[in-house]
Amino acid sequence: MIDGLIRSGLNNRVLMVVIALALVLFGVNAMQSLSVDAFPDVTNIQVQVATDAQGRSPEEVERFITVPLEIAMT
């Protein structure tokens, strides 16, 4: 089956060039008509939260202060 496709492509070179040009023109047309809105917004907005609580372990500060604060900010 593949041999037949290769053989017919080699025998009909003009047709293969026309098909290749049609694909290129189709791709250029599709690229030009693609709107800017099709691209996703990839801005990366980050906020760094630093908390300190005297007399608490780092795990307690993270669990009871930092995580709820981060959740409230999002």
PDB file of N, CA and C in Angstrom:
ATOM      1  N   MET A   1       0.822  -1.191   0.000  1.00  0.00           N
ATOM      2  CA  MET A   1       0.000   0.000   0.000  1.00  0.00           C
ATOM      3  C   MET A   1       0.868   1.258   0.000  1.00  0.00           C
ATOM      4  N   ILE A   2       1.866   1.309   0.889  1.00  0.00           N
ATOM      5  CA  ILE A   2       2.767   2.460   0.930  1.00  0.00           C
ATOM      6  C   ILE A   2       3.588   2.517  -0.358  1.00  0.00           C
ATOM      7  N   ASP A   3       3.989   1.347  -0.850  1.00  0.00           N
ATOM      8  CA  ASP A   3       4.754   1.318  -2.099  1.00  0.00           C
ATOM      9  C   ASP A   3       3.950   1.930  -3.236  1.00  0.00           C
ATOM     10  N   GLY A   4       2.659   1.640  -3.261  1.00  0.00           N
ATOM     11  CA  GLY A   4       1.799   2.207  -4.303  1.00  0.00           C
ATOM     12  C   GLY A   4       1.694   3.724  -4.193  1.00  0.00           C
ATOM     13  N   LEU A   5       1.595   4.229  -2.959  1.00  0.00           N
ATOM     14  CA  LEU A   5       1.539   5.680  -2.767  1.00  0.00           C
ATOM     15  C   LEU A   5       2.838   6.352  -3.202  1.00  0.00           C
ATOM     16  N   ILE A   6       3.948   5.748  -2.852  1.00  0.00           N
ATOM     17  CA  ILE A   6       5.248   6.310  -3.236  1.00  0.00           C
ATOM     18  C   ILE A   6       5.404   6.279  -4.746  1.00  0.00           C
ATOM     19  N   ARG A   7       5.043   5.171  -5.351  1.00  0.00           N
ATOM     20  CA  ARG A   7       5.161   5.024  -6.799  1.00  0.00           C
ATOM     21  C   ARG A   7       4.277   6.041  -7.525  1.00  0.00           C
ATOM     22  N   SER A   8       3.036   6.200  -7.062  1.00  0.00           N
ATOM     23  CA  SER A   8       2.144   7.157  -7.718  1.00  0.00           C
ATOM     24  C   SER A   8       2.614   8.595  -7.486  1.00  0.00           C
ATOM     25  N   GLY A   9       3.208   8.861  -6.329  1.00  0.00           N
ATOM     26  CA  GLY A   9       3.755  10.190  -6.076  1.00  0.00           C
ATOM     27  C   GLY A   9       4.934  10.506  -6.973  1.00  0.00           C
ATOM     28  N   LEU A  10       5.774   9.514  -7.210  1.00  0.00           N
ATOM     29  CA  LEU A  10       6.914   9.715  -8.101  1.00  0.00           C
ATOM     30  C   LEU A  10       6.475   9.834  -9.553  1.00  0.00           C
ATOM     31  N   ASN A  11       5.430   9.142  -9.936  1.00  0.00           N
ATOM     32  CA  ASN A  11       4.937   9.198 -11.314  1.00  0.00           C
ATOM     33  C   ASN A  11       4.165  10.486 -11.583  1.00  0.00           C
ATOM     34  N   ASN A  12       3.572  11.085 -10.579  1.00  0.00           N
ATOM     35  CA  ASN A  12       2.767  12.304 -10.730  1.00  0.00           C
ATOM     36  C   ASN A  12       3.395  13.445  -9.930  1.00  0.00           C
ATOM     37  N   ARG A  13       4.592  13.830 -10.305  1.00  0.00           N
ATOM     38  CA  ARG A  13       5.324  14.847  -9.539  1.00  0.00           C
ATOM     39  C   ARG A  13       4.629  16.200  -9.563  1.00  0.00           C
ATOM     40  N   VAL A  14       4.031  16.549 -10.680  1.00  0.00           N
ATOM     41  CA  VAL A  14       3.348  17.840 -10.773  1.00  0.00           C
ATOM     42  C   VAL A  14       2.180  17.877  -9.788  1.00  0.00           C
ATOM     43  N   LEU A  15       1.440  16.783  -9.705  1.00  0.00           N
ATOM     44  CA  LEU A  15       0.324  16.710  -8.769  1.00  0.00           C
ATOM     45  C   LEU A  15       0.816  16.837  -7.326  1.00  0.00           C
ATOM     46  N   MET A  16       1.940  16.223  -7.001  1.00  0.00           N
ATOM     47  CA  MET A  16       2.494  16.302  -5.646  1.00  0.00           C
ATOM     48  C   MET A  16       2.925  17.732  -5.307  1.00  0.00           C
ATOM     49  N   VAL A  17       3.493  18.440  -6.282  1.00  0.00           N
ATOM     50  CA  VAL A  17       3.895  19.830  -6.053  1.00  0.00           C
ATOM     51  C   VAL A  17       2.660  20.699  -5.844  1.00  0.00           C
ATOM     52  N   VAL A  18       1.604  20.472  -6.622  1.00  0.00           N
ATOM     53  CA  VAL A  18       0.367  21.237  -6.471  1.00  0.00           C
ATOM     54  C   VAL A  18      -0.249  20.977  -5.099  1.00  0.00           C
ATOM     55  N   ILE A  19      -0.266  19.727  -4.660  1.00  0.00           N
ATOM     56  CA  ILE A  19      -0.811  19.394  -3.338  1.00  0.00           C
ATOM     57  C   ILE A  19       0.022  20.044  -2.234  1.00  0.00           C
ATOM     58  N   ALA A  20       1.352  20.009  -2.370  1.00  0.00           N
ATOM     59  CA  ALA A  20       2.223  20.621  -1.363  1.00  0.00           C
ATOM     60  C   ALA A  20       1.994  22.128  -1.298  1.00  0.00           C
ATOM     61  N   LEU A  21       1.877  22.785  -2.452  1.00  0.00           N
ATOM     62  CA  LEU A  21       1.619  24.225  -2.467  1.00  0.00           C
ATOM     63  C   LEU A  21       0.258  24.554  -1.874  1.00  0.00           C
ATOM     64  N   ALA A  22      -0.745  23.715  -2.158  1.00  0.00           N
ATOM     65  CA  ALA A  22      -2.072  23.936  -1.590  1.00  0.00           C
ATOM     66  C   ALA A  22      -2.023  23.832  -0.067  1.00  0.00           C
ATOM     67  N   LEU A  23      -1.275  22.865   0.449  1.00  0.00           N
ATOM     68  CA  LEU A  23      -1.148  22.726   1.904  1.00  0.00           C
ATOM     69  C   LEU A  23      -0.441  23.928   2.520  1.00  0.00           C
ATOM     70  N   VAL A  24       0.595  24.416   1.861  1.00  0.00           N
ATOM     71  CA  VAL A  24       1.311  25.589   2.365  1.00  0.00           C
ATOM     72  C   VAL A  24       0.394  26.808   2.363  1.00  0.00           C
ATOM     73  N   LEU A  25      -0.339  27.015   1.271  1.00  0.00           N
ATOM     74  CA  LEU A  25      -1.257  28.156   1.200  1.00  0.00           C
ATOM     75  C   LEU A  25      -2.361  28.050   2.242  1.00  0.00           C
ATOM     76  N   PHE A  26      -2.870  26.848   2.446  1.00  0.00           N
ATOM     77  CA  PHE A  26      -3.888  26.643   3.474  1.00  0.00           C
ATOM     78  C   PHE A  26      -3.326  26.976   4.857  1.00  0.00           C
ATOM     79  N   GLY A  27      -2.107  26.547   5.130  1.00  0.00           N
ATOM     80  CA  GLY A  27      -1.483  26.831   6.422  1.00  0.00           C
ATOM     81  C   GLY A  27      -1.233  28.311   6.638  1.00  0.00           C
ATOM     82  N   VAL A  28      -0.769  29.004   5.603  1.00  0.00           N
ATOM     83  CA  VAL A  28      -0.533  30.446   5.712  1.00  0.00           C
ATOM     84  C   VAL A  28      -1.850  31.180   5.935  1.00  0.00           C
ATOM     85  N   ASN A  29      -2.895  30.779   5.206  1.00  0.00           N
ATOM     86  CA  ASN A  29      -4.209  31.400   5.376  1.00  0.00           C
ATOM     87  C   ASN A  29      -4.739  31.160   6.793  1.00  0.00           C
ATOM     88  N   ALA A  30      -4.593  29.953   7.299  1.00  0.00           N
ATOM     89  CA  ALA A  30      -5.066  29.642   8.648  1.00  0.00           C
ATOM     90  C   ALA A  30      -4.297  30.447   9.689  1.00  0.00           C
ATOM     91  N   MET A  31      -2.991  30.606   9.483  1.00  0.00           N
ATOM     92  CA  MET A  31      -2.181  31.353  10.437  1.00  0.00           C
ATOM     93  C   MET A  31      -2.564  32.835  10.438  1.00  0.00           C
ATOM     94  N   GLN A  32      -2.844  33.395   9.275  1.00  0.00           N
ATOM     95  CA  GLN A  32      -3.206  34.809   9.200  1.00  0.00           C
ATOM     96  C   GLN A  32      -4.589  35.077   9.766  1.00  0.00           C
ATOM     97  N   SER A  33      -5.490  34.121   9.657  1.00  0.00           N
ATOM     98  CA  SER A  33      -6.850  34.347  10.143  1.00  0.00           C
ATOM     99  C   SER A  33      -7.017  33.980  11.614  1.00  0.00           C
ATOM    100  N   LEU A  34      -5.969  33.474  12.242  1.00  0.00           N
ATOM    101  CA  LEU A  34      -6.035  33.117  13.653  1.00  0.00           C
ATOM    102  C   LEU A  34      -6.058  34.385  14.485  1.00  0.00           C
ATOM    103  N   SER A  35      -7.074  34.534  15.298  1.00  0.00           N
ATOM    104  CA  SER A  35      -7.191  35.749  16.097  1.00  0.00           C
ATOM    105  C   SER A  35      -6.266  35.682  17.304  1.00  0.00           C
ATOM    106  N   VAL A  36      -5.965  36.843  17.840  1.00  0.00           N
ATOM    107  CA  VAL A  36      -5.078  36.928  19.001  1.00  0.00           C
ATOM    108  C   VAL A  36      -5.736  36.283  20.216  1.00  0.00           C
ATOM    109  N   ASP A  37      -7.058  36.293  20.274  1.00  0.00           N
ATOM    110  CA  ASP A  37      -7.767  35.719  21.412  1.00  0.00           C
ATOM    111  C   ASP A  37      -7.582  34.211  21.511  1.00  0.00           C
ATOM    112  N   ALA A  38      -7.111  33.578  20.457  1.00  0.00           N
ATOM    113  CA  ALA A  38      -6.927  32.137  20.491  1.00  0.00           C
ATOM    114  C   ALA A  38      -5.728  31.741  21.350  1.00  0.00           C
ATOM    115  N   PHE A  39      -4.848  32.690  21.634  1.00  0.00           N
ATOM    116  CA  PHE A  39      -3.692  32.390  22.461  1.00  0.00           C
ATOM    117  C   PHE A  39      -4.070  32.558  23.928  1.00  0.00           C
ATOM    118  N   PRO A  40      -3.710  31.621  24.785  1.00  0.00           N
ATOM    119  CA  PRO A  40      -4.085  31.727  26.197  1.00  0.00           C
ATOM    120  C   PRO A  40      -3.282  32.808  26.917  1.00  0.00           C
ATOM    121  N   ASP A  41      -3.859  33.320  27.967  1.00  0.00           N
ATOM    122  CA  ASP A  41      -3.182  34.290  28.814  1.00  0.00           C
ATOM    123  C   ASP A  41      -2.228  33.533  29.731  1.00  0.00           C
ATOM    124  N   VAL A  42      -0.945  33.708  29.521  1.00  0.00           N
ATOM    125  CA  VAL A  42       0.039  32.941  30.279  1.00  0.00           C
ATOM    126  C   VAL A  42       0.789  33.804  31.295  1.00  0.00           C
ATOM    127  N   THR A  43       0.206  34.931  31.665  1.00  0.00           N
ATOM    128  CA  THR A  43       0.858  35.757  32.671  1.00  0.00           C
ATOM    129  C   THR A  43       0.868  35.014  34.001  1.00  0.00           C
ATOM    130  N   ASN A  44       1.982  35.076  34.656  1.00  0.00           N
ATOM    131  CA  ASN A  44       2.168  34.351  35.906  1.00  0.00           C
ATOM    132  C   ASN A  44       2.185  35.362  37.051  1.00  0.00           C
ATOM    133  N   ILE A  45       1.077  35.468  37.747  1.00  0.00           N
ATOM    134  CA  ILE A  45       0.962  36.410  38.861  1.00  0.00           C
ATOM    135  C   ILE A  45       1.201  35.641  40.158  1.00  0.00           C
ATOM    136  N   GLN A  46       2.203  36.074  40.904  1.00  0.00           N
ATOM    137  CA  GLN A  46       2.543  35.395  42.150  1.00  0.00           C
ATOM    138  C   GLN A  46       2.638  36.417  43.275  1.00  0.00           C
ATOM    139  N   VAL A  47       2.244  35.976  44.441  1.00  0.00           N
ATOM    140  CA  VAL A  47       2.372  36.789  45.646  1.00  0.00           C
ATOM    141  C   VAL A  47       3.080  35.935  46.682  1.00  0.00           C
ATOM    142  N   GLN A  48       4.078  36.501  47.317  1.00  0.00           N
ATOM    143  CA  GLN A  48       4.799  35.772  48.349  1.00  0.00           C
ATOM    144  C   GLN A  48       4.259  36.193  49.709  1.00  0.00           C
ATOM    145  N   VAL A  49       3.866  35.207  50.504  1.00  0.00           N
ATOM    146  CA  VAL A  49       3.302  35.463  51.825  1.00  0.00           C
ATOM    147  C   VAL A  49       4.308  34.984  52.866  1.00  0.00           C
ATOM    148  N   ALA A  50       4.711  35.893  53.752  1.00  0.00           N
ATOM    149  CA  ALA A  50       5.616  35.538  54.844  1.00  0.00           C
ATOM    150  C   ALA A  50       4.899  35.832  56.156  1.00  0.00           C
ATOM    151  N   THR A  51       4.756  34.817  56.983  1.00  0.00           N
ATOM    152  CA  THR A  51       4.062  34.990  58.264  1.00  0.00           C
ATOM    153  C   THR A  51       4.997  34.608  59.401  1.00  0.00           C
ATOM    154  N   ASP A  52       4.756  35.232  60.535  1.00  0.00           N
ATOM    155  CA  ASP A  52       5.569  34.953  61.713  1.00  0.00           C
ATOM    156  C   ASP A  52       4.645  34.975  62.926  1.00  0.00           C
ATOM    157  N   ALA A  53       4.725  33.942  63.739  1.00  0.00           N
ATOM    158  CA  ALA A  53       3.925  33.877  64.966  1.00  0.00           C
ATOM    159  C   ALA A  53       4.836  33.355  66.068  1.00  0.00           C
ATOM    160  N   GLN A  54       5.073  34.196  67.042  1.00  0.00           N
ATOM    161  CA  GLN A  54       5.961  33.812  68.137  1.00  0.00           C
ATOM    162  C   GLN A  54       5.327  32.690  68.954  1.00  0.00           C
ATOM    163  N   GLY A  55       6.125  31.710  69.318  1.00  0.00           N
ATOM    164  CA  GLY A  55       5.661  30.626  70.175  1.00  0.00           C
ATOM    165  C   GLY A  55       4.995  29.484  69.426  1.00  0.00           C
ATOM    166  N   ARG A  56       4.958  29.524  68.102  1.00  0.00           N
ATOM    167  CA  ARG A  56       4.365  28.430  67.327  1.00  0.00           C
ATOM    168  C   ARG A  56       5.445  27.794  66.466  1.00  0.00           C
ATOM    169  N   SER A  57       5.252  26.511  66.209  1.00  0.00           N
ATOM    170  CA  SER A  57       6.197  25.800  65.351  1.00  0.00           C
ATOM    171  C   SER A  57       5.955  26.212  63.894  1.00  0.00           C
ATOM    172  N   PRO A  58       6.935  26.011  63.020  1.00  0.00           N
ATOM    173  CA  PRO A  58       6.748  26.358  61.606  1.00  0.00           C
ATOM    174  C   PRO A  58       5.554  25.635  60.967  1.00  0.00           C
ATOM    175  N   GLU A  59       5.324  24.389  61.368  1.00  0.00           N
ATOM    176  CA  GLU A  59       4.186  23.642  60.821  1.00  0.00           C
ATOM    177  C   GLU A  59       2.857  24.276  61.233  1.00  0.00           C
ATOM    178  N   GLU A  60       2.766  24.715  62.503  1.00  0.00           N
ATOM    179  CA  GLU A  60       1.536  25.361  62.973  1.00  0.00           C
ATOM    180  C   GLU A  60       1.311  26.698  62.271  1.00  0.00           C
ATOM    181  N   VAL A  61       2.376  27.460  62.081  1.00  0.00           N
ATOM    182  CA  VAL A  61       2.254  28.745  61.391  1.00  0.00           C
ATOM    183  C   VAL A  61       1.752  28.516  59.967  1.00  0.00           C
ATOM    184  N   GLU A  62       2.312  27.525  59.307  1.00  0.00           N
ATOM    185  CA  GLU A  62       1.882  27.250  57.932  1.00  0.00           C
ATOM    186  C   GLU A  62       0.432  26.782  57.893  1.00  0.00           C
ATOM    187  N   ARG A  63       0.081  25.847  58.777  1.00  0.00           N
ATOM    188  CA  ARG A  63      -1.260  25.256  58.754  1.00  0.00           C
ATOM    189  C   ARG A  63      -2.335  26.248  59.174  1.00  0.00           C
ATOM    190  N   PHE A  64      -2.099  27.027  60.232  1.00  0.00           N
ATOM    191  CA  PHE A  64      -3.158  27.862  60.796  1.00  0.00           C
ATOM    192  C   PHE A  64      -3.142  29.320  60.320  1.00  0.00           C
ATOM    193  N   ILE A  65      -2.034  29.773  59.773  1.00  0.00           N
ATOM    194  CA  ILE A  65      -1.960  31.184  59.372  1.00  0.00           C
ATOM    195  C   ILE A  65      -1.703  31.326  57.863  1.00  0.00           C
ATOM    196  N   THR A  66      -0.616  30.724  57.391  1.00  0.00           N
ATOM    197  CA  THR A  66      -0.212  30.948  56.006  1.00  0.00           C
ATOM    198  C   THR A  66      -1.201  30.372  55.002  1.00  0.00           C
ATOM    199  N   VAL A  67      -1.575  29.107  55.173  1.00  0.00           N
ATOM    200  CA  VAL A  67      -2.484  28.471  54.203  1.00  0.00           C
ATOM    201  C   VAL A  67      -3.846  29.164  54.163  1.00  0.00           C
ATOM    202  N   PRO A  68      -4.494  29.442  55.309  1.00  0.00           N
ATOM    203  CA  PRO A  68      -5.769  30.180  55.213  1.00  0.00           C
ATOM    204  C   PRO A  68      -5.619  31.569  54.586  1.00  0.00           C
ATOM    205  N   LEU A  69      -4.494  32.227  54.842  1.00  0.00           N
ATOM    206  CA  LEU A  69      -4.257  33.539  54.246  1.00  0.00           C
ATOM    207  C   LEU A  69      -4.101  33.433  52.733  1.00  0.00           C
ATOM    208  N   GLU A  70      -3.363  32.434  52.262  1.00  0.00           N
ATOM    209  CA  GLU A  70      -3.205  32.223  50.822  1.00  0.00           C
ATOM    210  C   GLU A  70      -4.539  31.886  50.166  1.00  0.00           C
ATOM    211  N   ILE A  71      -5.344  31.066  50.828  1.00  0.00           N
ATOM    212  CA  ILE A  71      -6.660  30.705  50.275  1.00  0.00           C
ATOM    213  C   ILE A  71      -7.553  31.936  50.185  1.00  0.00           C
ATOM    214  N   ALA A  72      -7.500  32.786  51.200  1.00  0.00           N
ATOM    215  CA  ALA A  72      -8.331  33.993  51.188  1.00  0.00           C
ATOM    216  C   ALA A  72      -7.899  34.968  50.094  1.00  0.00           C
ATOM    217  N   MET A  73      -6.628  34.941  49.728  1.00  0.00           N
ATOM    218  CA  MET A  73      -6.127  35.865  48.708  1.00  0.00           C
ATOM    219  C   MET A  73      -6.411  35.392  47.289  1.00  0.00           C
ATOM    220  N   THR A  74      -6.713  34.125  47.109  1.00  0.00           N
ATOM    221  CA  THR A  74      -6.948  33.631  45.743  1.00  0.00           C
ATOM    222  C   THR A  74      -8.389  33.673  45.360  1.00  0.00           C
TER     223      THR A  74
END
